[in-house]
Amino acid sequence: MSMTLDLTSNPTEAAPKHRSAKRVVVLLAVLAVAFTVAYYSPVRSWLKDAGQVQHAVKSLGLWIYPVGIIATALLVACGVPRLLLCGVGGMTLGFWSGLLLAECGTVLGYYCVFLFIRWGGREWALHKFPKLQKWADGVKGQGLLGVILLRQVPIHGTLINLGLGISRVKHWHFVLGTAIGAIPESIPATLVGTGLGKGSAKMLGIYLAAAVVAFALIWLGCAWGMRAMRRNRQTAELLARQENL
């Protein structure tokens, strides 16, 4: 009687891979449901009804701040555009309160998505697509400034969360970088909402002009920051090559 050992299979390695694949399935299913709810539910049309939103805000009183932050976090996590929520916040609460509420809710919602992607998809993605390793390490190397500048890329925030979740960026870099990086687009959107909430064509024109100026100044600053980062990276690479010679 002979016994043969199968040395090719390793149960200790197969189990984590199987668990990782199951997490990816759960991740994709949850994201699909979230986007379906966000785009096919009446939430977006309700948010555009200024009268209903203002009535709901007044009925909540001071509770609007914790409730509003949690609601904003849930909505942005499901894929509702955060700039729409900035406008709603400015229209109902005024510029500063609306900006603060939308900012806190956005950071909370984005961080929840970031954690969920880290839990469900990072290890699988890096194992399945080894070329992502270099990109993941590169984003980590850029640190806080890299997260801030990524937030200026004109694509949906969920896609940026997906990329940062797969990367090896530190948690505090993600949170602080998102908080800072979200401001450049939040300010003009909140200004527009504040102008709409004033109910005056003159005030609306003033706030729209302020939004345009703020948007231009912020984007000029971001462009300068990106050029400075590119120069610093090129200088570091040049110094590294000279040391290796």
C-alpha atoms as a PDB file:
ATOM      1  CA  MET A   1       0.000   0.000   0.000  1.00  0.00           C
ATOM      2  CA  SER A   2       1.526   3.255  -1.083  1.00  0.00           C
ATOM      3  CA  MET A   3       0.700   6.733  -0.011  1.00  0.00           C
ATOM      4  CA  THR A   4       1.201   9.818  -2.136  1.00  0.00           C
ATOM      5  CA  LEU A   5       1.433  13.290  -0.785  1.00  0.00           C
ATOM      6  CA  ASP A   6       0.118  16.252  -2.743  1.00  0.00           C
ATOM      7  CA  LEU A   7       2.779  18.865  -2.181  1.00  0.00           C
ATOM      8  CA  THR A   8       1.281  21.343  -4.628  1.00  0.00           C
ATOM      9  CA  SER A   9      -1.680  22.315  -2.504  1.00  0.00           C
ATOM     10  CA  ASN A  10      -1.206  24.320   0.665  1.00  0.00           C
ATOM     11  CA  PRO A  11      -4.366  24.697   2.759  1.00  0.00           C
ATOM     12  CA  THR A  12      -2.847  27.508   4.792  1.00  0.00           C
ATOM     13  CA  GLU A  13      -2.368  29.585   1.614  1.00  0.00           C
ATOM     14  CA  ALA A  14      -5.621  28.602  -0.086  1.00  0.00           C
ATOM     15  CA  ALA A  15      -7.805  29.713   2.845  1.00  0.00           C
ATOM     16  CA  PRO A  16      -6.714  33.390   2.838  1.00  0.00           C
ATOM     17  CA  LYS A  17      -7.108  33.563  -0.955  1.00  0.00           C
ATOM     18  CA  HIS A  18     -10.621  32.124  -0.718  1.00  0.00           C
ATOM     19  CA  ARG A  19     -11.501  34.537   2.080  1.00  0.00           C
ATOM     20  CA  SER A  20     -10.109  37.449   0.053  1.00  0.00           C
ATOM     21  CA  ALA A  21     -12.199  36.473  -2.976  1.00  0.00           C
ATOM     22  CA  LYS A  22     -15.345  36.330  -0.840  1.00  0.00           C
ATOM     23  CA  ARG A  23     -14.611  39.796   0.503  1.00  0.00           C
ATOM     24  CA  VAL A  24     -14.278  41.146  -3.038  1.00  0.00           C
ATOM     25  CA  VAL A  25     -17.695  39.704  -3.924  1.00  0.00           C
ATOM     26  CA  VAL A  26     -19.224  41.332  -0.835  1.00  0.00           C
ATOM     27  CA  LEU A  27     -17.472  44.619  -1.660  1.00  0.00           C
ATOM     28  CA  LEU A  28     -18.745  44.713  -5.244  1.00  0.00           C
ATOM     29  CA  ALA A  29     -22.272  43.744  -4.197  1.00  0.00           C
ATOM     30  CA  VAL A  30     -22.468  46.478  -1.543  1.00  0.00           C
ATOM     31  CA  LEU A  31     -21.076  49.126  -3.909  1.00  0.00           C
ATOM     32  CA  ALA A  32     -23.547  48.105  -6.618  1.00  0.00           C
ATOM     33  CA  VAL A  33     -26.485  48.338  -4.207  1.00  0.00           C
ATOM     34  CA  ALA A  34     -25.272  51.706  -2.879  1.00  0.00           C
ATOM     35  CA  PHE A  35     -24.985  53.256  -6.343  1.00  0.00           C
ATOM     36  CA  THR A  36     -28.359  51.818  -7.354  1.00  0.00           C
ATOM     37  CA  VAL A  37     -30.004  53.363  -4.300  1.00  0.00           C
ATOM     38  CA  ALA A  38     -28.272  56.705  -4.899  1.00  0.00           C
ATOM     39  CA  TYR A  39     -29.209  57.034  -8.569  1.00  0.00           C
ATOM     40  CA  TYR A  40     -32.657  55.456  -8.655  1.00  0.00           C
ATOM     41  CA  SER A  41     -34.111  56.660  -5.353  1.00  0.00           C
ATOM     42  CA  PRO A  42     -35.955  60.014  -5.063  1.00  0.00           C
ATOM     43  CA  VAL A  43     -33.257  61.419  -2.754  1.00  0.00           C
ATOM     44  CA  ARG A  44     -31.526  63.523  -5.415  1.00  0.00           C
ATOM     45  CA  SER A  45     -34.751  65.076  -6.679  1.00  0.00           C
ATOM     46  CA  TRP A  46     -35.828  65.768  -3.082  1.00  0.00           C
ATOM     47  CA  LEU A  47     -32.525  67.542  -2.371  1.00  0.00           C
ATOM     48  CA  LYS A  48     -33.148  69.854  -5.333  1.00  0.00           C
ATOM     49  CA  ASP A  49     -36.506  70.955  -3.869  1.00  0.00           C
ATOM     50  CA  ALA A  50     -35.378  73.984  -1.842  1.00  0.00           C
ATOM     51  CA  GLY A  51     -38.709  74.378  -0.044  1.00  0.00           C
ATOM     52  CA  GLN A  52     -38.834  70.824   1.271  1.00  0.00           C
ATOM     53  CA  VAL A  53     -35.191  70.840   2.341  1.00  0.00           C
ATOM     54  CA  GLN A  54     -35.504  74.157   4.197  1.00  0.00           C
ATOM     55  CA  HIS A  55     -38.659  72.935   5.947  1.00  0.00           C
ATOM     56  CA  ALA A  56     -36.880  69.747   7.044  1.00  0.00           C
ATOM     57  CA  VAL A  57     -33.897  71.729   8.348  1.00  0.00           C
ATOM     58  CA  LYS A  58     -36.071  74.100  10.395  1.00  0.00           C
ATOM     59  CA  SER A  59     -38.033  71.211  11.875  1.00  0.00           C
ATOM     60  CA  LEU A  60     -34.833  69.570  13.177  1.00  0.00           C
ATOM     61  CA  GLY A  61     -33.468  72.637  14.944  1.00  0.00           C
ATOM     62  CA  LEU A  62     -30.000  72.062  16.405  1.00  0.00           C
ATOM     63  CA  TRP A  63     -30.313  68.353  15.612  1.00  0.00           C
ATOM     64  CA  ILE A  64     -29.643  69.273  11.992  1.00  0.00           C
ATOM     65  CA  TYR A  65     -25.893  69.220  12.664  1.00  0.00           C
ATOM     66  CA  PRO A  66     -25.442  65.603  13.862  1.00  0.00           C
ATOM     67  CA  VAL A  67     -28.270  64.371  11.630  1.00  0.00           C
ATOM     68  CA  GLY A  68     -26.974  66.362   8.663  1.00  0.00           C
ATOM     69  CA  ILE A  69     -23.406  65.086   9.059  1.00  0.00           C
ATOM     70  CA  ILE A  70     -24.544  61.457   9.250  1.00  0.00           C
ATOM     71  CA  ALA A  71     -26.959  61.901   6.336  1.00  0.00           C
ATOM     72  CA  THR A  72     -24.255  63.565   4.237  1.00  0.00           C
ATOM     73  CA  ALA A  73     -21.822  60.760   5.055  1.00  0.00           C
ATOM     74  CA  LEU A  74     -24.332  58.108   4.002  1.00  0.00           C
ATOM     75  CA  LEU A  75     -25.232  59.918   0.793  1.00  0.00           C
ATOM     76  CA  VAL A  76     -21.657  60.562  -0.371  1.00  0.00           C
ATOM     77  CA  ALA A  77     -20.745  56.975   0.548  1.00  0.00           C
ATOM     78  CA  CYS A  78     -23.562  55.831  -1.758  1.00  0.00           C
ATOM     79  CA  GLY A  79     -22.267  58.013  -4.571  1.00  0.00           C
ATOM     80  CA  VAL A  80     -24.410  61.154  -4.354  1.00  0.00           C
ATOM     81  CA  PRO A  81     -22.267  64.085  -5.592  1.00  0.00           C
ATOM     82  CA  ARG A  82     -20.898  65.923  -2.573  1.00  0.00           C
ATOM     83  CA  LEU A  83     -20.990  69.273  -4.375  1.00  0.00           C
ATOM     84  CA  LEU A  84     -24.778  68.990  -4.550  1.00  0.00           C
ATOM     85  CA  LEU A  85     -24.792  68.547  -0.773  1.00  0.00           C
ATOM     86  CA  CYS A  86     -22.473  71.553  -0.369  1.00  0.00           C
ATOM     87  CA  GLY A  87     -24.958  73.649  -2.303  1.00  0.00           C
ATOM     88  CA  VAL A  88     -27.849  72.361  -0.191  1.00  0.00           C
ATOM     89  CA  GLY A  89     -25.909  73.105   2.985  1.00  0.00           C
ATOM     90  CA  GLY A  90     -25.161  76.668   1.881  1.00  0.00           C
ATOM     91  CA  MET A  91     -28.752  77.242   0.801  1.00  0.00           C
ATOM     92  CA  THR A  92     -30.283  76.053   4.079  1.00  0.00           C
ATOM     93  CA  LEU A  93     -27.667  76.898   6.723  1.00  0.00           C
ATOM     94  CA  GLY A  94     -25.602  79.699   5.240  1.00  0.00           C
ATOM     95  CA  PHE A  95     -22.026  79.588   3.997  1.00  0.00           C
ATOM     96  CA  TRP A  96     -19.941  78.710   7.051  1.00  0.00           C
ATOM     97  CA  SER A  97     -22.349  76.270   8.710  1.00  0.00           C
ATOM     98  CA  GLY A  98     -23.199  74.648   5.380  1.00  0.00           C
ATOM     99  CA  LEU A  99     -19.540  74.295   4.449  1.00  0.00           C
ATOM    100  CA  LEU A 100     -18.619  72.792   7.827  1.00  0.00           C
ATOM    101  CA  LEU A 101     -21.495  70.309   7.788  1.00  0.00           C
ATOM    102  CA  ALA A 102     -20.783  69.177   4.228  1.00  0.00           C
ATOM    103  CA  GLU A 103     -17.057  68.937   4.950  1.00  0.00           C
ATOM    104  CA  CYS A 104     -17.490  66.773   8.064  1.00  0.00           C
ATOM    105  CA  GLY A 105     -20.023  64.525   6.354  1.00  0.00           C
ATOM    106  CA  THR A 106     -17.862  64.143   3.249  1.00  0.00           C
ATOM    107  CA  VAL A 107     -14.739  63.169   5.197  1.00  0.00           C
ATOM    108  CA  LEU A 108     -16.706  60.692   7.324  1.00  0.00           C
ATOM    109  CA  GLY A 109     -18.414  59.112   4.322  1.00  0.00           C
ATOM    110  CA  TYR A 110     -15.236  58.896   2.253  1.00  0.00           C
ATOM    111  CA  TYR A 111     -13.290  57.378   5.147  1.00  0.00           C
ATOM    112  CA  CYS A 112     -15.951  54.687   5.626  1.00  0.00           C
ATOM    113  CA  VAL A 113     -15.656  53.796   1.929  1.00  0.00           C
ATOM    114  CA  PHE A 114     -11.855  53.813   2.240  1.00  0.00           C
ATOM    115  CA  LEU A 115     -11.976  51.390   5.182  1.00  0.00           C
ATOM    116  CA  PHE A 116     -14.448  49.142   3.383  1.00  0.00           C
ATOM    117  CA  ILE A 117     -12.234  48.961   0.290  1.00  0.00           C
ATOM    118  CA  ARG A 118      -9.178  48.251   2.456  1.00  0.00           C
ATOM    119  CA  TRP A 119     -11.080  45.410   4.109  1.00  0.00           C
ATOM    120  CA  GLY A 120     -12.569  43.956   0.972  1.00  0.00           C
ATOM    121  CA  GLY A 121     -10.361  44.556  -2.015  1.00  0.00           C
ATOM    122  CA  ARG A 122      -6.817  45.796  -1.501  1.00  0.00           C
ATOM    123  CA  GLU A 123      -4.958  42.531  -0.958  1.00  0.00           C
ATOM    124  CA  TRP A 124      -6.909  40.815  -3.732  1.00  0.00           C
ATOM    125  CA  ALA A 125      -6.230  43.646  -6.190  1.00  0.00           C
ATOM    126  CA  LEU A 126      -2.502  43.825  -5.397  1.00  0.00           C
ATOM    127  CA  HIS A 127      -2.186  40.040  -5.716  1.00  0.00           C
ATOM    128  CA  LYS A 128      -4.237  39.871  -8.918  1.00  0.00           C
ATOM    129  CA  PHE A 129      -2.561  42.869 -10.565  1.00  0.00           C
ATOM    130  CA  PRO A 130       1.088  43.027  -9.409  1.00  0.00           C
ATOM    131  CA  LYS A 131       1.720  46.200 -11.448  1.00  0.00           C
ATOM    132  CA  LEU A 132      -0.457  48.052  -8.936  1.00  0.00           C
ATOM    133  CA  GLN A 133       2.221  47.481  -6.292  1.00  0.00           C
ATOM    134  CA  LYS A 134       4.456  50.206  -7.735  1.00  0.00           C
ATOM    135  CA  TRP A 135       1.557  52.647  -7.934  1.00  0.00           C
ATOM    136  CA  ALA A 136       0.417  51.798  -4.380  1.00  0.00           C
ATOM    137  CA  ASP A 137       3.903  52.417  -3.006  1.00  0.00           C
ATOM    138  CA  GLY A 138       4.226  55.614  -5.075  1.00  0.00           C
ATOM    139  CA  VAL A 139       1.038  57.114  -3.630  1.00  0.00           C
ATOM    140  CA  LYS A 140       2.236  56.279  -0.135  1.00  0.00           C
ATOM    141  CA  GLY A 141       5.551  57.971  -0.906  1.00  0.00           C
ATOM    142  CA  GLN A 142       3.761  61.218  -1.864  1.00  0.00           C
ATOM    143  CA  GLY A 143       2.101  61.234   1.558  1.00  0.00           C
ATOM    144  CA  LEU A 144      -0.317  63.964   2.579  1.00  0.00           C
ATOM    145  CA  LEU A 145       0.370  66.204  -0.424  1.00  0.00           C
ATOM    146  CA  GLY A 146      -0.359  63.337  -2.811  1.00  0.00           C
ATOM    147  CA  VAL A 147      -3.824  62.802  -1.297  1.00  0.00           C
ATOM    148  CA  ILE A 148      -4.572  66.535  -1.423  1.00  0.00           C
ATOM    149  CA  LEU A 149      -3.634  66.778  -5.094  1.00  0.00           C
ATOM    150  CA  LEU A 150      -5.525  63.599  -6.019  1.00  0.00           C
ATOM    151  CA  ARG A 151      -8.652  65.250  -4.628  1.00  0.00           C
ATOM    152  CA  GLN A 152      -8.261  67.960  -7.270  1.00  0.00           C
ATOM    153  CA  VAL A 153      -8.598  65.476 -10.141  1.00  0.00           C
ATOM    154  CA  PRO A 154     -12.014  66.108 -11.772  1.00  0.00           C
ATOM    155  CA  ILE A 155     -13.435  62.599 -11.394  1.00  0.00           C
ATOM    156  CA  HIS A 156     -16.005  61.070  -9.044  1.00  0.00           C
ATOM    157  CA  GLY A 157     -14.805  60.957  -5.440  1.00  0.00           C
ATOM    158  CA  THR A 158     -15.648  57.261  -5.130  1.00  0.00           C
ATOM    159  CA  LEU A 159     -13.107  56.411  -7.826  1.00  0.00           C
ATOM    160  CA  ILE A 160     -10.439  58.318  -5.901  1.00  0.00           C
ATOM    161  CA  ASN A 161     -11.466  56.490  -2.720  1.00  0.00           C
ATOM    162  CA  LEU A 162     -11.110  53.223  -4.597  1.00  0.00           C
ATOM    163  CA  GLY A 163      -7.598  54.080  -5.741  1.00  0.00           C
ATOM    164  CA  LEU A 164      -6.501  55.318  -2.319  1.00  0.00           C
ATOM    165  CA  GLY A 165      -8.055  52.280  -0.649  1.00  0.00           C
ATOM    166  CA  ILE A 166      -5.971  49.977  -2.822  1.00  0.00           C
ATOM    167  CA  SER A 167      -2.836  52.039  -2.218  1.00  0.00           C
ATOM    168  CA  ARG A 168      -0.689  51.894   0.901  1.00  0.00           C
ATOM    169  CA  VAL A 169      -1.394  55.476   1.942  1.00  0.00           C
ATOM    170  CA  LYS A 170      -1.596  55.992   5.697  1.00  0.00           C
ATOM    171  CA  HIS A 171      -4.976  56.458   7.346  1.00  0.00           C
ATOM    172  CA  TRP A 172      -4.217  59.886   8.786  1.00  0.00           C
ATOM    173  CA  HIS A 173      -2.869  61.013   5.410  1.00  0.00           C
ATOM    174  CA  PHE A 174      -6.166  59.968   3.841  1.00  0.00           C
ATOM    175  CA  VAL A 175      -8.340  61.729   6.441  1.00  0.00           C
ATOM    176  CA  LEU A 176      -6.377  64.982   6.626  1.00  0.00           C
ATOM    177  CA  GLY A 177      -5.616  65.034   2.892  1.00  0.00           C
ATOM    178  CA  THR A 178      -9.284  64.501   2.086  1.00  0.00           C
ATOM    179  CA  ALA A 179     -10.364  67.237   4.509  1.00  0.00           C
ATOM    180  CA  ILE A 180      -7.955  69.735   2.913  1.00  0.00           C
ATOM    181  CA  GLY A 181      -8.352  68.518  -0.654  1.00  0.00           C
ATOM    182  CA  ALA A 182     -12.149  68.707  -0.593  1.00  0.00           C
ATOM    183  CA  ILE A 183     -12.191  72.417   0.280  1.00  0.00           C
ATOM    184  CA  PRO A 184     -11.227  73.889  -3.143  1.00  0.00           C
ATOM    185  CA  GLU A 185     -14.385  72.605  -4.827  1.00  0.00           C
ATOM    186  CA  SER A 186     -16.584  72.864  -1.718  1.00  0.00           C
ATOM    187  CA  ILE A 187     -16.146  76.620  -1.302  1.00  0.00           C
ATOM    188  CA  PRO A 188     -17.547  77.680  -4.723  1.00  0.00           C
ATOM    189  CA  ALA A 189     -20.378  75.112  -4.540  1.00  0.00           C
ATOM    190  CA  THR A 190     -21.386  76.304  -1.063  1.00  0.00           C
ATOM    191  CA  LEU A 191     -21.192  79.939  -2.180  1.00  0.00           C
ATOM    192  CA  VAL A 192     -23.592  79.204  -5.046  1.00  0.00           C
ATOM    193  CA  GLY A 193     -25.997  77.459  -2.682  1.00  0.00           C
ATOM    194  CA  THR A 194     -25.792  80.355  -0.227  1.00  0.00           C
ATOM    195  CA  GLY A 195     -26.612  82.804  -3.011  1.00  0.00           C
ATOM    196  CA  LEU A 196     -29.638  80.742  -4.050  1.00  0.00           C
ATOM    197  CA  GLY A 197     -30.838  80.700  -0.462  1.00  0.00           C
ATOM    198  CA  LYS A 198     -30.834  84.507  -0.225  1.00  0.00           C
ATOM    199  CA  GLY A 199     -33.803  84.796  -2.564  1.00  0.00           C
ATOM    200  CA  SER A 200     -32.423  87.948  -4.173  1.00  0.00           C
ATOM    201  CA  ALA A 201     -31.065  88.271  -7.701  1.00  0.00           C
ATOM    202  CA  LYS A 202     -28.526  90.857  -6.543  1.00  0.00           C
ATOM    203  CA  MET A 203     -27.229  88.664  -3.714  1.00  0.00           C
ATOM    204  CA  LEU A 204     -27.169  85.662  -6.009  1.00  0.00           C
ATOM    205  CA  GLY A 205     -25.013  87.606  -8.476  1.00  0.00           C
ATOM    206  CA  ILE A 206     -22.606  88.635  -5.703  1.00  0.00           C
ATOM    207  CA  TYR A 207     -22.223  85.073  -4.444  1.00  0.00           C
ATOM    208  CA  LEU A 208     -21.822  83.709  -7.960  1.00  0.00           C
ATOM    209  CA  ALA A 209     -19.058  86.233  -8.650  1.00  0.00           C
ATOM    210  CA  ALA A 210     -17.383  85.285  -5.368  1.00  0.00           C
ATOM    211  CA  ALA A 211     -17.651  81.594  -6.339  1.00  0.00           C
ATOM    212  CA  VAL A 212     -15.985  82.226  -9.706  1.00  0.00           C
ATOM    213  CA  VAL A 213     -13.126  84.183  -8.114  1.00  0.00           C
ATOM    214  CA  ALA A 214     -12.643  81.567  -5.388  1.00  0.00           C
ATOM    215  CA  PHE A 215     -12.664  78.752  -7.937  1.00  0.00           C
ATOM    216  CA  ALA A 216     -10.051  80.505 -10.109  1.00  0.00           C
ATOM    217  CA  LEU A 217      -7.730  81.304  -7.199  1.00  0.00           C
ATOM    218  CA  ILE A 218      -7.975  77.806  -5.756  1.00  0.00           C
ATOM    219  CA  TRP A 219      -7.240  76.107  -9.060  1.00  0.00           C
ATOM    220  CA  LEU A 220      -4.258  78.390  -9.669  1.00  0.00           C
ATOM    221  CA  GLY A 221      -2.948  77.390  -6.265  1.00  0.00           C
ATOM    222  CA  CYS A 222      -3.480  73.702  -7.025  1.00  0.00           C
ATOM    223  CA  ALA A 223      -1.677  74.031 -10.362  1.00  0.00           C
ATOM    224  CA  TRP A 224       1.261  75.689  -8.622  1.00  0.00           C
ATOM    225  CA  GLY A 225       1.302  72.909  -6.006  1.00  0.00           C
ATOM    226  CA  MET A 226       1.326  70.180  -8.653  1.00  0.00           C
ATOM    227  CA  ARG A 227       4.212  71.843 -10.503  1.00  0.00           C
ATOM    228  CA  ALA A 228       6.154  72.223  -7.248  1.00  0.00           C
ATOM    229  CA  MET A 229       5.592  68.565  -6.393  1.00  0.00           C
ATOM    230  CA  ARG A 230       6.713  67.505  -9.872  1.00  0.00           C
ATOM    231  CA  ARG A 231       9.891  69.598  -9.577  1.00  0.00           C
ATOM    232  CA  ASN A 232      10.643  68.153  -6.138  1.00  0.00           C
ATOM    233  CA  ARG A 233      10.178  64.612  -7.428  1.00  0.00           C
ATOM    234  CA  GLN A 234      12.428  65.243 -10.419  1.00  0.00           C
ATOM    235  CA  THR A 235      15.091  66.773  -8.146  1.00  0.00           C
ATOM    236  CA  ALA A 236      14.919  63.785  -5.789  1.00  0.00           C
ATOM    237  CA  GLU A 237      15.240  61.332  -8.686  1.00  0.00           C
ATOM    238  CA  LEU A 238      18.233  63.283 -10.085  1.00  0.00           C
ATOM    239  CA  LEU A 239      19.993  63.276  -6.710  1.00  0.00           C
ATOM    240  CA  ALA A 240      19.304  59.549  -6.332  1.00  0.00           C
ATOM    241  CA  ARG A 241      20.838  58.824  -9.747  1.00  0.00           C
ATOM    242  CA  GLN A 242      23.905  60.930  -8.915  1.00  0.00           C
ATOM    243  CA  GLU A 243      24.418  59.020  -5.671  1.00  0.00           C
ATOM    244  CA  ASN A 244      24.284  55.710  -7.536  1.00  0.00           C
ATOM    245  CA  LEU A 245      26.976  56.784 -10.009  1.00  0.00           C
END
